[in-house]
Amino acid sequence: MNPPETVDKWYKVLKAFKAKDPNGNGKQDEIPFSNAAMPSNTFSWQGFIVGVWGIIPAFYQENGKVKYGVTQPQFKQFAETIRKWYKEGLLDPGMLAPDSKRWEAKILNNEIGSWVGLGGGNLARFLNIKRNQEHDNVFDIVAVQYPTLKKGETPEFGQMDFRAGPGGAAITTQCQDIPLAMKILDWGYSKEGYMTFNFGILGKTI
């Protein structure tokens, strides 16, 4: 099957993960869709799927007006879709109480078909772990775009850079070299710093 682009295609792919025994062990033990142990924001499974309807499960701005995704009419469509997927066993029940070690073990054991994770932190690390274990390249991961309702549409969220992100940094009074700490944080905004902060040291970081 081709990587899914629409929510309907995602449904068909998840159904295939559930019924077609992709790990080939003769058991229906595959979990079609799961999620990394991340907070429920635009980078989690909720943000990944709910963005199909042009909202996020948080505050956002639209045409100069602040809105809250959970109170928008489209959120009901998202909820109905998720209810259907959950009822049909397409979602990992463990997403309600994320356990990163359990989640990673199931991915590396070919029990999870798809998930929302980090391109640098999850995808590359899992590929390197499995390639060191399996020299025949059986294990593979394919990155896919955020879904839309219709093929060819551009996702409203997911690919967008936020003007103000949820993260931050602070330097405490216990810091022994405050100017140096400030330089390191500033360096993170340079091209070299940005690449290092996201992907590590070239040729050394897994």
N, C-alpha and C. Protein backbone atom coordinates (compact mmCIF):
# COMPACT_ATOMS: atom_id res chain seq x y z
N MET A 1 0.84 -1.19 0.00
CA MET A 1 0.00 0.00 0.00
C MET A 1 0.88 1.24 0.00
N ASN A 2 0.44 2.27 -0.69
CA ASN A 2 1.18 3.53 -0.71
C ASN A 2 0.98 4.27 0.61
N PRO A 3 1.95 5.11 0.99
CA PRO A 3 1.77 5.91 2.20
C PRO A 3 0.46 6.70 2.12
N PRO A 4 -0.36 6.66 3.15
CA PRO A 4 -1.67 7.34 3.11
C PRO A 4 -1.53 8.86 3.16
N GLU A 5 -2.38 9.53 2.39
CA GLU A 5 -2.37 11.00 2.37
C GLU A 5 -3.64 11.59 2.97
N THR A 6 -4.75 10.85 2.90
CA THR A 6 -6.02 11.34 3.43
C THR A 6 -6.45 10.51 4.63
N VAL A 7 -7.40 11.02 5.39
CA VAL A 7 -7.87 10.29 6.56
C VAL A 7 -8.55 8.98 6.16
N ASP A 8 -9.22 8.96 5.01
CA ASP A 8 -9.83 7.71 4.53
C ASP A 8 -8.77 6.67 4.17
N LYS A 9 -7.67 7.11 3.55
CA LYS A 9 -6.59 6.20 3.21
C LYS A 9 -5.91 5.68 4.47
N TRP A 10 -5.80 6.55 5.47
CA TRP A 10 -5.23 6.13 6.75
C TRP A 10 -6.07 5.00 7.35
N TYR A 11 -7.37 5.15 7.27
CA TYR A 11 -8.27 4.12 7.82
C TYR A 11 -8.02 2.77 7.14
N LYS A 12 -7.87 2.78 5.81
CA LYS A 12 -7.63 1.53 5.07
C LYS A 12 -6.28 0.92 5.43
N VAL A 13 -5.27 1.76 5.61
CA VAL A 13 -3.95 1.25 5.98
C VAL A 13 -3.98 0.66 7.39
N LEU A 14 -4.66 1.32 8.30
CA LEU A 14 -4.75 0.81 9.67
C LEU A 14 -5.51 -0.51 9.71
N LYS A 15 -6.56 -0.62 8.91
CA LYS A 15 -7.31 -1.88 8.83
C LYS A 15 -6.41 -3.00 8.31
N ALA A 16 -5.54 -2.68 7.35
CA ALA A 16 -4.62 -3.68 6.81
C ALA A 16 -3.60 -4.12 7.86
N PHE A 17 -3.08 -3.16 8.62
CA PHE A 17 -2.16 -3.50 9.71
C PHE A 17 -2.84 -4.46 10.69
N LYS A 18 -4.11 -4.24 10.93
CA LYS A 18 -4.86 -5.04 11.89
C LYS A 18 -5.12 -6.46 11.39
N ALA A 19 -5.45 -6.60 10.11
CA ALA A 19 -5.94 -7.88 9.60
C ALA A 19 -4.96 -8.68 8.76
N LYS A 20 -3.95 -8.06 8.19
CA LYS A 20 -3.11 -8.73 7.19
C LYS A 20 -1.82 -9.35 7.74
N ASP A 21 -1.62 -9.32 9.06
CA ASP A 21 -0.44 -9.94 9.68
C ASP A 21 0.87 -9.47 9.03
N PRO A 22 1.13 -8.15 8.99
CA PRO A 22 2.34 -7.66 8.33
C PRO A 22 3.65 -8.14 8.95
N ASN A 23 3.67 -8.49 10.25
CA ASN A 23 4.93 -8.97 10.82
C ASN A 23 5.14 -10.46 10.58
N GLY A 24 4.13 -11.12 9.98
CA GLY A 24 4.29 -12.48 9.51
C GLY A 24 4.47 -13.56 10.56
N ASN A 25 3.98 -13.32 11.78
CA ASN A 25 4.15 -14.34 12.82
C ASN A 25 2.91 -15.22 13.01
N GLY A 26 1.92 -15.03 12.14
CA GLY A 26 0.71 -15.85 12.22
C GLY A 26 -0.25 -15.46 13.33
N LYS A 27 0.01 -14.33 13.98
CA LYS A 27 -0.86 -13.86 15.06
C LYS A 27 -1.39 -12.46 14.73
N GLN A 28 -2.56 -12.17 15.26
CA GLN A 28 -3.11 -10.82 15.07
C GLN A 28 -2.69 -9.97 16.28
N ASP A 29 -1.39 -9.74 16.36
CA ASP A 29 -0.84 -9.00 17.50
C ASP A 29 -0.37 -7.60 17.13
N GLU A 30 -0.61 -7.19 15.89
CA GLU A 30 -0.17 -5.87 15.46
C GLU A 30 -1.06 -4.77 16.03
N ILE A 31 -0.43 -3.68 16.43
CA ILE A 31 -1.14 -2.48 16.86
C ILE A 31 -1.06 -1.50 15.69
N PRO A 32 -2.18 -1.20 15.03
CA PRO A 32 -2.12 -0.37 13.83
C PRO A 32 -1.54 1.02 14.03
N PHE A 33 -1.93 1.70 15.12
CA PHE A 33 -1.49 3.08 15.32
C PHE A 33 -1.20 3.34 16.78
N SER A 34 -0.04 3.96 17.05
CA SER A 34 0.32 4.30 18.43
C SER A 34 0.96 5.68 18.44
N ASN A 35 1.54 6.03 19.57
CA ASN A 35 2.08 7.37 19.72
C ASN A 35 3.21 7.38 20.73
N ALA A 36 4.21 8.21 20.49
CA ALA A 36 5.30 8.38 21.44
C ALA A 36 4.77 9.02 22.72
N ALA A 37 5.52 8.88 23.79
CA ALA A 37 5.12 9.45 25.07
C ALA A 37 5.39 10.95 25.06
N MET A 38 4.54 11.68 24.33
CA MET A 38 4.67 13.13 24.24
C MET A 38 3.38 13.77 24.75
N PRO A 39 3.43 15.03 25.18
CA PRO A 39 2.22 15.69 25.65
C PRO A 39 1.19 15.87 24.54
N SER A 40 -0.05 16.07 24.93
CA SER A 40 -1.14 16.21 23.95
C SER A 40 -1.15 17.61 23.33
N ASN A 41 -0.24 17.83 22.42
CA ASN A 41 -0.21 19.11 21.71
C ASN A 41 -0.22 18.85 20.22
N THR A 42 0.14 19.82 19.43
CA THR A 42 0.06 19.67 17.98
C THR A 42 1.03 18.63 17.44
N PHE A 43 2.00 18.22 18.23
CA PHE A 43 2.96 17.23 17.75
C PHE A 43 2.60 15.83 18.24
N SER A 44 1.50 15.68 18.95
CA SER A 44 1.07 14.37 19.43
C SER A 44 0.11 13.75 18.42
N TRP A 45 -0.41 12.57 18.76
CA TRP A 45 -1.34 11.89 17.85
C TRP A 45 -2.62 12.70 17.67
N GLN A 46 -3.06 13.42 18.72
CA GLN A 46 -4.27 14.24 18.57
C GLN A 46 -4.06 15.35 17.55
N GLY A 47 -2.92 16.05 17.69
CA GLY A 47 -2.63 17.11 16.74
C GLY A 47 -2.45 16.60 15.33
N PHE A 48 -1.89 15.40 15.22
CA PHE A 48 -1.66 14.78 13.91
C PHE A 48 -2.97 14.52 13.18
N ILE A 49 -3.96 13.98 13.88
CA ILE A 49 -5.22 13.60 13.24
C ILE A 49 -6.23 14.74 13.24
N VAL A 50 -6.34 15.47 14.33
CA VAL A 50 -7.36 16.51 14.41
C VAL A 50 -7.09 17.63 13.41
N GLY A 51 -5.83 17.81 13.00
CA GLY A 51 -5.49 18.82 12.03
C GLY A 51 -6.15 18.62 10.68
N VAL A 52 -6.65 17.39 10.43
CA VAL A 52 -7.39 17.10 9.21
C VAL A 52 -8.55 18.07 9.05
N TRP A 53 -9.16 18.45 10.17
CA TRP A 53 -10.34 19.32 10.13
C TRP A 53 -10.00 20.79 10.36
N GLY A 54 -8.71 21.13 10.24
CA GLY A 54 -8.30 22.53 10.30
C GLY A 54 -8.28 23.14 11.68
N ILE A 55 -8.17 22.29 12.71
CA ILE A 55 -8.09 22.79 14.09
C ILE A 55 -6.98 22.01 14.81
N ILE A 56 -6.65 22.46 16.01
CA ILE A 56 -5.73 21.72 16.87
C ILE A 56 -6.36 21.64 18.26
N PRO A 57 -5.96 20.68 19.10
CA PRO A 57 -6.55 20.55 20.44
C PRO A 57 -5.94 21.54 21.42
N ALA A 58 -5.88 22.80 21.02
CA ALA A 58 -5.28 23.85 21.85
C ALA A 58 -5.72 25.20 21.29
N PHE A 59 -5.17 26.28 21.81
CA PHE A 59 -5.47 27.61 21.28
C PHE A 59 -4.71 27.83 19.97
N TYR A 60 -5.33 28.50 19.04
CA TYR A 60 -4.68 28.86 17.79
C TYR A 60 -5.32 30.13 17.25
N GLN A 61 -4.67 30.74 16.26
CA GLN A 61 -5.14 32.01 15.70
C GLN A 61 -5.62 31.80 14.28
N GLU A 62 -6.77 32.36 13.97
CA GLU A 62 -7.32 32.26 12.62
C GLU A 62 -7.90 33.61 12.23
N ASN A 63 -7.30 34.22 11.21
CA ASN A 63 -7.74 35.53 10.74
C ASN A 63 -7.80 36.57 11.86
N GLY A 64 -6.79 36.55 12.72
CA GLY A 64 -6.71 37.53 13.78
C GLY A 64 -7.56 37.23 14.99
N LYS A 65 -8.25 36.09 15.00
CA LYS A 65 -9.11 35.73 16.12
C LYS A 65 -8.58 34.48 16.80
N VAL A 66 -8.48 34.52 18.12
CA VAL A 66 -8.01 33.36 18.89
C VAL A 66 -9.14 32.36 19.07
N LYS A 67 -8.87 31.11 18.75
CA LYS A 67 -9.86 30.05 18.90
C LYS A 67 -9.29 28.90 19.71
N TYR A 68 -10.18 28.10 20.26
CA TYR A 68 -9.77 26.92 21.03
C TYR A 68 -10.35 25.70 20.32
N GLY A 69 -9.47 24.84 19.79
CA GLY A 69 -9.89 23.75 18.93
C GLY A 69 -10.94 22.83 19.50
N VAL A 70 -10.86 22.52 20.77
CA VAL A 70 -11.78 21.56 21.38
C VAL A 70 -13.22 22.05 21.37
N THR A 71 -13.43 23.36 21.30
CA THR A 71 -14.79 23.91 21.31
C THR A 71 -15.33 24.17 19.91
N GLN A 72 -14.54 23.87 18.89
CA GLN A 72 -14.99 24.11 17.52
C GLN A 72 -15.86 22.94 17.02
N PRO A 73 -16.82 23.23 16.12
CA PRO A 73 -17.71 22.18 15.60
C PRO A 73 -16.96 21.02 14.96
N GLN A 74 -15.80 21.31 14.32
CA GLN A 74 -15.05 20.25 13.65
C GLN A 74 -14.50 19.21 14.62
N PHE A 75 -14.36 19.60 15.89
CA PHE A 75 -13.80 18.66 16.86
C PHE A 75 -14.70 17.44 17.03
N LYS A 76 -15.99 17.62 16.82
CA LYS A 76 -16.92 16.49 16.93
C LYS A 76 -16.64 15.45 15.85
N GLN A 77 -16.28 15.92 14.64
CA GLN A 77 -15.94 14.99 13.56
C GLN A 77 -14.68 14.21 13.90
N PHE A 78 -13.71 14.91 14.47
CA PHE A 78 -12.49 14.24 14.92
C PHE A 78 -12.82 13.18 15.98
N ALA A 79 -13.65 13.56 16.97
CA ALA A 79 -14.00 12.64 18.05
C ALA A 79 -14.74 11.41 17.53
N GLU A 80 -15.63 11.61 16.57
CA GLU A 80 -16.37 10.48 16.00
C GLU A 80 -15.44 9.53 15.24
N THR A 81 -14.46 10.11 14.54
CA THR A 81 -13.49 9.29 13.80
C THR A 81 -12.64 8.47 14.76
N ILE A 82 -12.14 9.12 15.79
CA ILE A 82 -11.29 8.43 16.77
C ILE A 82 -12.08 7.35 17.50
N ARG A 83 -13.34 7.63 17.81
CA ARG A 83 -14.19 6.64 18.49
C ARG A 83 -14.33 5.39 17.62
N LYS A 84 -14.53 5.61 16.33
CA LYS A 84 -14.67 4.48 15.40
C LYS A 84 -13.38 3.68 15.33
N TRP A 85 -12.27 4.37 15.18
CA TRP A 85 -10.98 3.68 15.10
C TRP A 85 -10.67 2.90 16.38
N TYR A 86 -10.98 3.51 17.52
CA TYR A 86 -10.70 2.85 18.79
C TYR A 86 -11.59 1.62 18.96
N LYS A 87 -12.86 1.76 18.60
CA LYS A 87 -13.81 0.65 18.73
C LYS A 87 -13.40 -0.53 17.85
N GLU A 88 -12.79 -0.25 16.71
CA GLU A 88 -12.37 -1.31 15.80
C GLU A 88 -10.96 -1.83 16.09
N GLY A 89 -10.38 -1.37 17.19
CA GLY A 89 -9.07 -1.87 17.60
C GLY A 89 -7.91 -1.35 16.78
N LEU A 90 -8.07 -0.19 16.19
CA LEU A 90 -7.01 0.37 15.34
C LEU A 90 -6.05 1.27 16.11
N LEU A 91 -6.42 1.65 17.32
CA LEU A 91 -5.57 2.51 18.14
C LEU A 91 -5.02 1.75 19.34
N ASP A 92 -3.81 2.08 19.71
CA ASP A 92 -3.15 1.46 20.85
C ASP A 92 -3.80 1.92 22.15
N PRO A 93 -4.40 1.01 22.94
CA PRO A 93 -5.00 1.42 24.21
C PRO A 93 -3.96 2.05 25.14
N GLY A 94 -2.69 1.70 24.95
CA GLY A 94 -1.63 2.25 25.79
C GLY A 94 -1.41 3.73 25.62
N MET A 95 -1.99 4.33 24.56
CA MET A 95 -1.82 5.77 24.35
C MET A 95 -2.46 6.57 25.47
N LEU A 96 -3.42 5.97 26.17
CA LEU A 96 -4.10 6.68 27.26
C LEU A 96 -3.19 6.82 28.47
N ALA A 97 -2.18 5.95 28.58
CA ALA A 97 -1.21 6.03 29.67
C ALA A 97 0.16 5.71 29.07
N PRO A 98 0.77 6.65 28.36
CA PRO A 98 2.01 6.40 27.61
C PRO A 98 3.15 5.84 28.46
N ASP A 99 3.79 4.82 27.94
CA ASP A 99 4.96 4.21 28.56
C ASP A 99 6.03 4.11 27.46
N SER A 100 7.01 4.98 27.48
CA SER A 100 7.97 5.06 26.39
C SER A 100 8.75 3.76 26.19
N LYS A 101 9.11 3.07 27.27
CA LYS A 101 9.87 1.82 27.13
C LYS A 101 9.01 0.74 26.47
N ARG A 102 7.76 0.64 26.87
CA ARG A 102 6.85 -0.35 26.28
C ARG A 102 6.66 -0.03 24.80
N TRP A 103 6.45 1.25 24.52
CA TRP A 103 6.20 1.71 23.16
C TRP A 103 7.39 1.41 22.25
N GLU A 104 8.60 1.73 22.70
CA GLU A 104 9.79 1.48 21.90
C GLU A 104 10.02 -0.01 21.68
N ALA A 105 9.78 -0.82 22.71
CA ALA A 105 9.98 -2.27 22.59
C ALA A 105 9.03 -2.86 21.55
N LYS A 106 7.80 -2.38 21.52
CA LYS A 106 6.83 -2.91 20.56
C LYS A 106 7.17 -2.50 19.13
N ILE A 107 7.69 -1.30 18.96
CA ILE A 107 8.12 -0.87 17.62
C ILE A 107 9.25 -1.74 17.13
N LEU A 108 10.26 -1.94 17.98
CA LEU A 108 11.42 -2.72 17.59
C LEU A 108 11.10 -4.20 17.44
N ASN A 109 9.96 -4.62 17.99
CA ASN A 109 9.53 -6.02 17.87
C ASN A 109 8.49 -6.20 16.75
N ASN A 110 8.36 -5.17 15.91
CA ASN A 110 7.44 -5.21 14.77
C ASN A 110 5.98 -5.44 15.17
N GLU A 111 5.57 -4.82 16.27
CA GLU A 111 4.19 -4.96 16.73
C GLU A 111 3.37 -3.70 16.51
N ILE A 112 4.01 -2.59 16.19
CA ILE A 112 3.30 -1.33 15.95
C ILE A 112 3.50 -0.94 14.49
N GLY A 113 2.38 -0.74 13.78
CA GLY A 113 2.45 -0.45 12.35
C GLY A 113 2.76 0.99 12.02
N SER A 114 2.20 1.92 12.78
CA SER A 114 2.42 3.34 12.51
C SER A 114 2.30 4.11 13.81
N TRP A 115 2.92 5.27 13.83
CA TRP A 115 2.89 6.08 15.04
C TRP A 115 3.29 7.50 14.73
N VAL A 116 3.04 8.39 15.69
CA VAL A 116 3.53 9.76 15.62
C VAL A 116 4.75 9.85 16.52
N GLY A 117 5.87 10.24 15.96
CA GLY A 117 7.09 10.35 16.73
C GLY A 117 7.94 11.48 16.19
N LEU A 118 9.21 11.46 16.52
CA LEU A 118 10.13 12.52 16.12
C LEU A 118 11.02 12.02 14.99
N GLY A 119 11.17 12.83 13.94
CA GLY A 119 11.96 12.43 12.79
C GLY A 119 13.42 12.17 13.14
N GLY A 120 14.02 13.05 13.94
CA GLY A 120 15.41 12.86 14.32
C GLY A 120 15.59 11.96 15.52
N GLY A 121 14.75 12.14 16.54
CA GLY A 121 14.92 11.40 17.78
C GLY A 121 14.43 9.98 17.75
N ASN A 122 13.39 9.69 16.98
CA ASN A 122 12.84 8.33 16.94
C ASN A 122 13.23 7.59 15.67
N LEU A 123 12.87 8.14 14.54
CA LEU A 123 13.06 7.44 13.27
C LEU A 123 14.51 7.00 13.06
N ALA A 124 15.44 7.92 13.16
CA ALA A 124 16.85 7.59 12.91
C ALA A 124 17.38 6.59 13.93
N ARG A 125 17.00 6.76 15.19
CA ARG A 125 17.52 5.86 16.24
C ARG A 125 17.00 4.45 16.06
N PHE A 126 15.70 4.31 15.76
CA PHE A 126 15.13 2.98 15.55
C PHE A 126 15.77 2.28 14.35
N LEU A 127 15.98 3.02 13.27
CA LEU A 127 16.60 2.44 12.08
C LEU A 127 18.01 1.96 12.38
N ASN A 128 18.78 2.76 13.12
CA ASN A 128 20.15 2.36 13.45
C ASN A 128 20.19 1.15 14.37
N ILE A 129 19.27 1.10 15.34
CA ILE A 129 19.22 -0.06 16.24
C ILE A 129 18.93 -1.34 15.46
N LYS A 130 17.93 -1.29 14.60
CA LYS A 130 17.54 -2.49 13.85
C LYS A 130 18.57 -2.88 12.80
N ARG A 131 19.21 -1.90 12.20
CA ARG A 131 20.22 -2.23 11.18
C ARG A 131 21.43 -2.90 11.81
N ASN A 132 21.70 -2.59 13.08
CA ASN A 132 22.79 -3.26 13.78
C ASN A 132 22.40 -4.69 14.17
N GLN A 133 21.09 -4.94 14.28
CA GLN A 133 20.60 -6.26 14.66
C GLN A 133 20.30 -7.12 13.45
N GLU A 134 19.79 -6.51 12.38
CA GLU A 134 19.34 -7.25 11.20
C GLU A 134 20.10 -6.76 9.97
N HIS A 135 20.97 -7.59 9.47
CA HIS A 135 21.80 -7.19 8.33
C HIS A 135 21.09 -7.37 6.98
N ASP A 136 19.88 -7.93 7.01
CA ASP A 136 19.16 -8.12 5.75
C ASP A 136 18.16 -7.00 5.49
N ASN A 137 18.20 -5.94 6.33
CA ASN A 137 17.35 -4.76 6.13
C ASN A 137 15.85 -5.09 6.06
N VAL A 138 15.40 -5.97 6.94
CA VAL A 138 13.98 -6.32 6.99
C VAL A 138 13.17 -5.15 7.54
N PHE A 139 13.69 -4.49 8.54
CA PHE A 139 12.98 -3.41 9.23
C PHE A 139 13.15 -2.10 8.47
N ASP A 140 12.07 -1.37 8.30
CA ASP A 140 12.16 -0.07 7.64
C ASP A 140 11.07 0.85 8.17
N ILE A 141 11.31 2.13 8.09
CA ILE A 141 10.34 3.15 8.52
C ILE A 141 10.20 4.17 7.40
N VAL A 142 8.98 4.56 7.09
CA VAL A 142 8.72 5.55 6.06
C VAL A 142 8.03 6.75 6.70
N ALA A 143 8.59 7.93 6.51
CA ALA A 143 7.95 9.14 7.03
C ALA A 143 6.82 9.56 6.09
N VAL A 144 5.71 9.98 6.65
CA VAL A 144 4.56 10.40 5.84
C VAL A 144 4.11 11.79 6.26
N GLN A 145 3.38 12.45 5.37
CA GLN A 145 2.90 13.80 5.65
C GLN A 145 1.66 13.76 6.55
N TYR A 146 1.35 14.89 7.12
CA TYR A 146 0.12 15.00 7.91
C TYR A 146 -1.07 14.79 6.97
N PRO A 147 -2.10 14.08 7.41
CA PRO A 147 -3.23 13.77 6.53
C PRO A 147 -4.15 14.97 6.28
N THR A 148 -4.93 14.87 5.21
CA THR A 148 -5.95 15.86 4.87
C THR A 148 -7.24 15.13 4.55
N LEU A 149 -8.31 15.88 4.32
CA LEU A 149 -9.58 15.26 3.95
C LEU A 149 -9.55 14.81 2.49
N LYS A 150 -8.96 15.63 1.62
CA LYS A 150 -8.89 15.32 0.20
C LYS A 150 -7.44 15.28 -0.26
N LYS A 151 -7.13 14.39 -1.18
CA LYS A 151 -5.78 14.27 -1.71
C LYS A 151 -5.37 15.56 -2.41
N GLY A 152 -4.16 16.00 -2.16
CA GLY A 152 -3.65 17.21 -2.79
C GLY A 152 -3.78 18.46 -1.95
N GLU A 153 -4.58 18.39 -0.87
CA GLU A 153 -4.72 19.54 0.01
C GLU A 153 -3.46 19.70 0.85
N THR A 154 -3.24 20.90 1.36
CA THR A 154 -2.12 21.17 2.26
C THR A 154 -2.62 21.15 3.70
N PRO A 155 -1.99 20.36 4.57
CA PRO A 155 -2.44 20.33 5.97
C PRO A 155 -2.42 21.72 6.59
N GLU A 156 -3.43 22.04 7.36
CA GLU A 156 -3.51 23.36 7.99
C GLU A 156 -2.43 23.50 9.05
N PHE A 157 -2.16 22.41 9.76
CA PHE A 157 -1.16 22.42 10.83
C PHE A 157 -0.17 21.28 10.60
N GLY A 158 0.90 21.28 11.35
CA GLY A 158 1.88 20.21 11.25
C GLY A 158 3.13 20.65 10.54
N GLN A 159 2.99 21.20 9.34
CA GLN A 159 4.15 21.67 8.59
C GLN A 159 4.48 23.11 8.92
N MET A 160 3.65 23.74 9.78
CA MET A 160 3.79 25.17 10.03
C MET A 160 4.71 25.45 11.22
N ASP A 161 5.56 26.46 11.09
CA ASP A 161 6.39 26.91 12.19
C ASP A 161 5.60 27.90 13.04
N PHE A 162 5.61 27.71 14.34
CA PHE A 162 4.87 28.59 15.23
C PHE A 162 5.72 29.80 15.61
N ARG A 163 5.09 30.94 15.70
CA ARG A 163 5.81 32.15 16.08
C ARG A 163 6.35 32.06 17.50
N ALA A 164 5.62 31.42 18.36
CA ALA A 164 6.05 31.21 19.74
C ALA A 164 5.83 29.75 20.09
N GLY A 165 6.90 29.03 20.36
CA GLY A 165 6.78 27.61 20.66
C GLY A 165 6.49 27.35 22.12
N PRO A 166 6.11 26.11 22.46
CA PRO A 166 5.78 25.77 23.84
C PRO A 166 7.00 25.57 24.72
N GLY A 167 8.19 25.42 24.10
CA GLY A 167 9.40 25.17 24.88
C GLY A 167 10.10 26.45 25.30
N GLY A 168 11.14 26.31 26.09
CA GLY A 168 11.88 27.48 26.54
C GLY A 168 13.12 27.05 27.31
N ALA A 169 13.88 28.00 27.76
CA ALA A 169 15.09 27.72 28.54
C ALA A 169 15.26 28.79 29.60
N ALA A 170 15.92 28.42 30.68
CA ALA A 170 16.19 29.37 31.76
C ALA A 170 17.58 29.12 32.31
N ILE A 171 18.23 30.15 32.77
CA ILE A 171 19.54 30.04 33.40
C ILE A 171 19.37 30.39 34.87
N THR A 172 19.68 29.47 35.75
CA THR A 172 19.45 29.70 37.18
C THR A 172 20.64 30.42 37.81
N THR A 173 20.46 30.86 39.04
CA THR A 173 21.52 31.55 39.78
C THR A 173 22.64 30.59 40.17
N GLN A 174 22.40 29.27 40.03
CA GLN A 174 23.42 28.28 40.36
C GLN A 174 24.42 28.10 39.22
N CYS A 175 24.13 28.67 38.06
CA CYS A 175 25.02 28.54 36.91
C CYS A 175 26.36 29.22 37.21
N GLN A 176 27.46 28.51 36.94
CA GLN A 176 28.79 29.03 37.26
C GLN A 176 29.35 29.95 36.18
N ASP A 177 28.76 29.91 34.97
CA ASP A 177 29.25 30.77 33.89
C ASP A 177 28.05 31.21 33.05
N ILE A 178 27.35 32.22 33.54
CA ILE A 178 26.13 32.69 32.88
C ILE A 178 26.40 33.21 31.47
N PRO A 179 27.44 34.02 31.23
CA PRO A 179 27.70 34.48 29.85
C PRO A 179 27.90 33.32 28.88
N LEU A 180 28.62 32.25 29.31
CA LEU A 180 28.83 31.10 28.44
C LEU A 180 27.52 30.37 28.16
N ALA A 181 26.70 30.25 29.19
CA ALA A 181 25.39 29.60 29.00
C ALA A 181 24.54 30.38 28.01
N MET A 182 24.60 31.71 28.09
CA MET A 182 23.85 32.54 27.15
C MET A 182 24.37 32.38 25.73
N LYS A 183 25.69 32.26 25.58
CA LYS A 183 26.28 32.08 24.25
C LYS A 183 25.82 30.75 23.64
N ILE A 184 25.75 29.71 24.46
CA ILE A 184 25.31 28.40 23.96
C ILE A 184 23.87 28.46 23.49
N LEU A 185 23.01 29.13 24.26
CA LEU A 185 21.61 29.27 23.86
C LEU A 185 21.50 30.10 22.57
N ASP A 186 22.26 31.16 22.48
CA ASP A 186 22.25 31.98 21.26
C ASP A 186 22.75 31.18 20.06
N TRP A 187 23.77 30.35 20.29
CA TRP A 187 24.32 29.53 19.21
C TRP A 187 23.26 28.61 18.61
N GLY A 188 22.28 28.23 19.43
CA GLY A 188 21.20 27.36 18.95
C GLY A 188 20.37 27.99 17.84
N TYR A 189 20.45 29.31 17.68
CA TYR A 189 19.70 29.99 16.62
C TYR A 189 20.50 30.10 15.32
N SER A 190 21.77 29.72 15.36
CA SER A 190 22.57 29.71 14.14
C SER A 190 22.29 28.43 13.37
N LYS A 191 22.67 28.38 12.10
CA LYS A 191 22.43 27.18 11.30
C LYS A 191 23.16 25.98 11.89
N GLU A 192 24.43 26.19 12.28
CA GLU A 192 25.21 25.10 12.87
C GLU A 192 24.60 24.64 14.19
N GLY A 193 24.22 25.60 15.03
CA GLY A 193 23.63 25.26 16.32
C GLY A 193 22.29 24.56 16.16
N TYR A 194 21.48 25.08 15.23
CA TYR A 194 20.16 24.48 15.00
C TYR A 194 20.30 23.02 14.57
N MET A 195 21.21 22.74 13.64
CA MET A 195 21.40 21.37 13.16
C MET A 195 21.94 20.47 14.27
N THR A 196 22.84 21.01 15.09
CA THR A 196 23.41 20.21 16.18
C THR A 196 22.37 19.94 17.25
N PHE A 197 21.58 20.94 17.62
CA PHE A 197 20.56 20.76 18.64
C PHE A 197 19.53 19.72 18.21
N ASN A 198 19.23 19.68 16.91
CA ASN A 198 18.20 18.77 16.41
C ASN A 198 18.72 17.38 16.08
N PHE A 199 19.94 17.30 15.53
CA PHE A 199 20.43 16.02 15.02
C PHE A 199 21.71 15.52 15.65
N GLY A 200 22.34 16.32 16.51
CA GLY A 200 23.56 15.89 17.16
C GLY A 200 24.80 16.22 16.33
N ILE A 201 25.92 15.62 16.69
CA ILE A 201 27.19 15.88 16.02
C ILE A 201 27.32 14.97 14.82
N LEU A 202 27.57 15.55 13.66
CA LEU A 202 27.66 14.81 12.41
C LEU A 202 28.72 13.71 12.51
N GLY A 203 28.32 12.48 12.20
CA GLY A 203 29.23 11.36 12.20
C GLY A 203 29.45 10.71 13.55
N LYS A 204 28.91 11.32 14.62
CA LYS A 204 29.10 10.76 15.97
C LYS A 204 27.80 10.41 16.66
N THR A 205 26.78 11.26 16.48
CA THR A 205 25.51 11.02 17.14
C THR A 205 24.71 9.96 16.41
N ILE A 206 24.13 9.03 17.15
CA ILE A 206 23.30 7.96 16.53
C ILE A 206 21.99 8.55 16.08
